[in-house]
Protein backbone atom coordinates (compact mmCIF):
# COMPACT_ATOMS: atom_id res chain seq x y z
CA MET A 1 -0.25 254.39 190.75
CA PRO A 2 0.47 251.20 192.76
CA GLU A 3 -2.96 249.86 191.69
CA ARG A 4 -1.95 250.20 188.02
CA SER A 5 1.28 248.33 188.68
CA LEU A 6 -0.68 245.54 190.38
CA ARG A 7 -3.01 245.31 187.41
CA ALA A 8 -0.05 245.12 185.04
CA ASP A 9 1.57 242.46 187.26
CA ALA A 10 -1.69 240.54 187.45
CA ARG A 11 -2.05 240.71 183.67
CA ARG A 12 1.52 239.47 183.18
CA ASN A 13 0.96 236.66 185.70
CA ARG A 14 -2.24 235.62 183.92
CA GLU A 15 -0.39 235.49 180.60
CA ARG A 16 2.46 233.51 182.16
CA VAL A 17 -0.05 231.03 183.60
CA LEU A 18 -1.80 230.71 180.22
CA ASP A 19 1.50 230.21 178.39
CA ALA A 20 2.64 227.58 180.88
CA ALA A 21 -0.76 225.88 180.75
CA ARG A 22 -0.70 225.78 176.95
CA ARG A 23 2.68 224.07 176.97
CA ALA A 24 1.77 221.69 179.81
CA PHE A 25 -1.62 220.67 178.40
CA ALA A 26 -0.05 220.23 174.94
CA GLU A 27 2.67 217.95 176.32
CA GLN A 28 0.69 216.00 178.92
CA GLY A 29 -2.98 216.53 178.14
CA TYR A 30 -5.57 217.36 180.77
CA ALA A 31 -3.91 215.17 183.42
CA VAL A 32 -1.16 217.69 184.20
CA PRO A 33 -1.37 218.90 187.83
CA LEU A 34 -2.07 222.60 188.40
CA ASP A 35 0.93 222.80 190.73
CA GLU A 36 3.18 221.91 187.76
CA ILE A 37 1.58 224.66 185.69
CA ALA A 38 2.10 227.16 188.51
CA ALA A 39 5.74 226.16 188.88
CA ALA A 40 6.33 226.40 185.12
CA ALA A 41 4.76 229.87 185.14
CA GLY A 42 6.93 230.93 188.07
CA VAL A 43 3.93 231.70 190.28
CA GLY A 44 2.31 230.06 193.27
CA PRO A 45 -0.82 227.91 193.03
CA GLY A 46 -2.82 230.75 194.62
CA THR A 47 -2.04 232.98 191.63
CA VAL A 48 -3.34 230.32 189.27
CA TYR A 49 -6.56 229.97 191.28
CA ARG A 50 -6.97 233.75 191.45
CA HIS A 51 -7.19 233.90 187.67
CA PHE A 52 -8.74 230.48 187.04
CA PRO A 53 -10.84 229.16 189.93
CA THR A 54 -10.77 225.58 188.62
CA LYS A 55 -8.61 223.44 186.40
CA GLU A 56 -11.59 223.27 184.05
CA ALA A 57 -11.62 227.08 183.76
CA LEU A 58 -7.91 227.12 182.90
CA PHE A 59 -8.31 224.32 180.37
CA GLU A 60 -11.28 226.13 178.84
CA ALA A 61 -9.23 229.31 178.42
CA VAL A 62 -6.44 227.34 176.73
CA SER A 63 -8.94 225.43 174.56
CA VAL A 64 -10.63 228.63 173.44
CA ALA A 65 -7.26 230.14 172.47
CA ASN A 66 -6.23 227.00 170.55
CA VAL A 67 -9.47 226.75 168.59
CA GLU A 68 -9.50 230.51 167.92
CA GLU A 69 -6.03 230.18 166.37
CA LEU A 70 -7.17 227.34 164.14
CA ALA A 71 -10.28 229.26 163.05
CA ALA A 72 -8.18 232.33 162.26
CA ASP A 73 -5.81 230.15 160.24
CA ALA A 74 -8.72 228.62 158.29
CA ARG A 75 -10.10 232.12 157.55
CA ALA A 76 -6.70 233.37 156.40
CA ARG A 77 -6.14 230.32 154.20
CA ALA A 78 -9.59 230.78 152.64
CA GLU A 79 -8.26 234.03 151.13
CA ALA A 80 -5.24 232.34 149.52
CA ALA A 81 -4.73 232.39 145.76
CA ASP A 82 -4.73 228.57 145.58
CA PRO A 83 -7.67 227.30 147.68
CA ASP A 84 -6.79 223.64 147.14
CA LEU A 85 -3.23 224.17 148.36
CA ALA A 86 -4.52 226.26 151.27
CA PHE A 87 -7.01 223.53 152.22
CA GLY A 88 -4.26 220.89 152.15
CA GLY A 89 -2.04 223.15 154.24
CA PHE A 90 -4.77 223.51 156.82
CA LEU A 91 -5.18 219.73 157.01
CA ASP A 92 -1.41 219.41 157.46
CA ARG A 93 -1.44 222.02 160.23
CA LEU A 94 -4.32 220.34 162.03
CA ALA A 95 -2.59 216.95 161.85
CA GLU A 96 0.63 218.48 163.15
CA GLN A 97 -1.25 220.22 165.97
CA ALA A 98 -2.91 216.95 166.92
CA PHE A 99 0.50 215.28 166.97
CA THR A 100 2.20 217.96 169.08
CA LYS A 101 -0.72 219.12 171.23
CA ARG A 102 -2.16 216.26 173.23
CA ASP A 103 -4.95 218.53 174.44
CA LEU A 104 -6.40 219.38 171.02
CA PRO A 105 -8.92 216.50 170.92
CA ASP A 106 -10.01 217.44 174.46
CA ALA A 107 -10.42 221.05 173.34
CA PHE A 108 -12.93 219.99 170.69
CA ALA A 109 -14.58 217.58 173.11
CA GLY A 110 -15.04 220.48 175.55
CA ALA A 111 -17.53 222.09 173.20
CA GLY A 112 -20.17 221.53 175.89
CA THR A 113 -19.15 224.76 177.60
CA ASP A 114 -20.54 228.00 176.19
CA ALA A 115 -17.15 229.59 175.52
CA VAL A 116 -15.72 226.54 173.76
CA ALA A 117 -18.96 225.89 171.88
CA ALA A 118 -18.86 229.44 170.51
CA VAL A 119 -15.30 229.13 169.17
CA VAL A 120 -15.96 225.63 167.82
CA ALA A 121 -18.98 227.08 165.96
CA ASP A 122 -16.70 229.83 164.61
CA MET A 123 -14.19 227.16 163.57
CA HIS A 124 -17.01 225.26 161.84
CA ASP A 125 -17.95 228.40 159.88
CA ALA A 126 -14.34 229.20 158.94
CA LEU A 127 -13.74 225.61 157.87
CA GLY A 128 -16.94 225.77 155.80
CA VAL A 129 -15.62 228.76 153.84
CA LEU A 130 -12.23 227.08 153.30
CA LEU A 131 -13.92 223.84 152.21
CA ALA A 132 -16.28 225.64 149.80
CA LYS A 133 -13.40 227.48 148.15
CA ALA A 134 -11.43 224.24 147.76
CA GLN A 135 -14.53 222.60 146.26
CA GLU A 136 -15.05 225.53 143.85
CA ALA A 137 -11.40 225.20 142.78
CA GLY A 138 -12.00 221.49 142.03
CA GLY A 139 -9.69 220.14 144.70
CA VAL A 140 -12.34 218.60 146.97
CA ARG A 141 -15.46 216.58 146.16
CA ARG A 142 -18.59 218.70 146.09
CA ASP A 143 -20.63 216.22 148.13
CA VAL A 144 -18.38 216.60 151.19
CA THR A 145 -19.96 218.69 153.95
CA VAL A 146 -18.30 220.47 156.84
CA SER A 147 -19.81 217.85 159.15
CA ASP A 148 -18.23 215.09 157.05
CA LEU A 149 -14.88 216.85 157.21
CA ILE A 150 -15.12 217.37 160.96
CA ALA A 151 -15.94 213.68 161.47
CA LEU A 152 -12.84 212.74 159.42
CA LEU A 153 -10.69 215.20 161.34
CA LYS A 154 -11.95 213.94 164.70
CA GLY A 155 -10.98 210.44 163.60
CA LEU A 156 -7.54 211.71 162.64
CA LEU A 157 -7.16 213.50 165.98
CA HIS A 158 -8.13 210.34 167.85
CA ALA A 159 -5.82 208.14 165.78
CA VAL A 160 -2.85 210.48 166.25
CA ARG A 161 -3.53 210.61 169.95
CA THR A 162 -3.63 206.83 170.35
CA ASP A 163 -0.75 206.10 167.96
CA PRO A 164 1.64 209.06 167.80
CA ASP A 165 3.87 207.45 165.14
CA PRO A 166 4.48 210.13 162.46
CA ASP A 167 4.19 207.47 159.72
CA VAL A 168 0.65 206.68 160.88
CA ARG A 169 -0.24 210.39 160.86
CA HIS A 170 1.08 210.86 157.31
CA ARG A 171 -0.58 207.70 156.02
CA LEU A 172 -3.97 208.57 157.53
CA LEU A 173 -3.76 212.13 156.24
CA ALA A 174 -3.01 210.76 152.74
CA VAL A 175 -6.03 208.46 152.98
CA ILE A 176 -8.25 211.39 154.00
CA ARG A 177 -6.92 213.53 151.15
CA ASP A 178 -7.46 210.73 148.64
CA GLY A 179 -11.03 210.30 149.85
CA LEU A 180 -11.72 214.04 149.56
CA ARG A 181 -10.45 214.35 145.97
CA PRO A 182 -13.07 214.47 143.21
CA LYS A 183 -13.50 211.26 141.27
CA ASP A 184 -12.48 211.45 137.61
CA GLY A 185 -15.11 210.77 135.00
């Protein structure tokens, strides 16, 4: 019985570390010290290292969770009654995430690891379905590919990271949307 309680405690501690890491990485980016994450989680540094042997491993776990959430959101929005509205909502969410989560660009940049690469590929697929449905509905140009969209979104993520002014975010998002709309005629 005590072993079960330890496993439950260990599981709770791992979740507390992940929650604290998500908040810390979102606020400060990758530069946040692990000791700050441990303190925010209410555990000692040894507990963090027991679950995540390196800062990179902890960041990877957070990155995977963040990208998985975005992929799930894209898949859910692809089933919406109004694909164009759903596509625009996803762009809004991604821009907001980039604005509030300083680690999001690093999460996509971390696609060199197997775990992150797998969820980024899943995100690519989910975004492809959402994009295709928006194109079929006439809300997005048919010549836009998922790779084009990802390049635009990476630019938006970078711009929001270097200039966090909400007016810049809204203006750039409007420019992207205008460029994605089908041309009349």
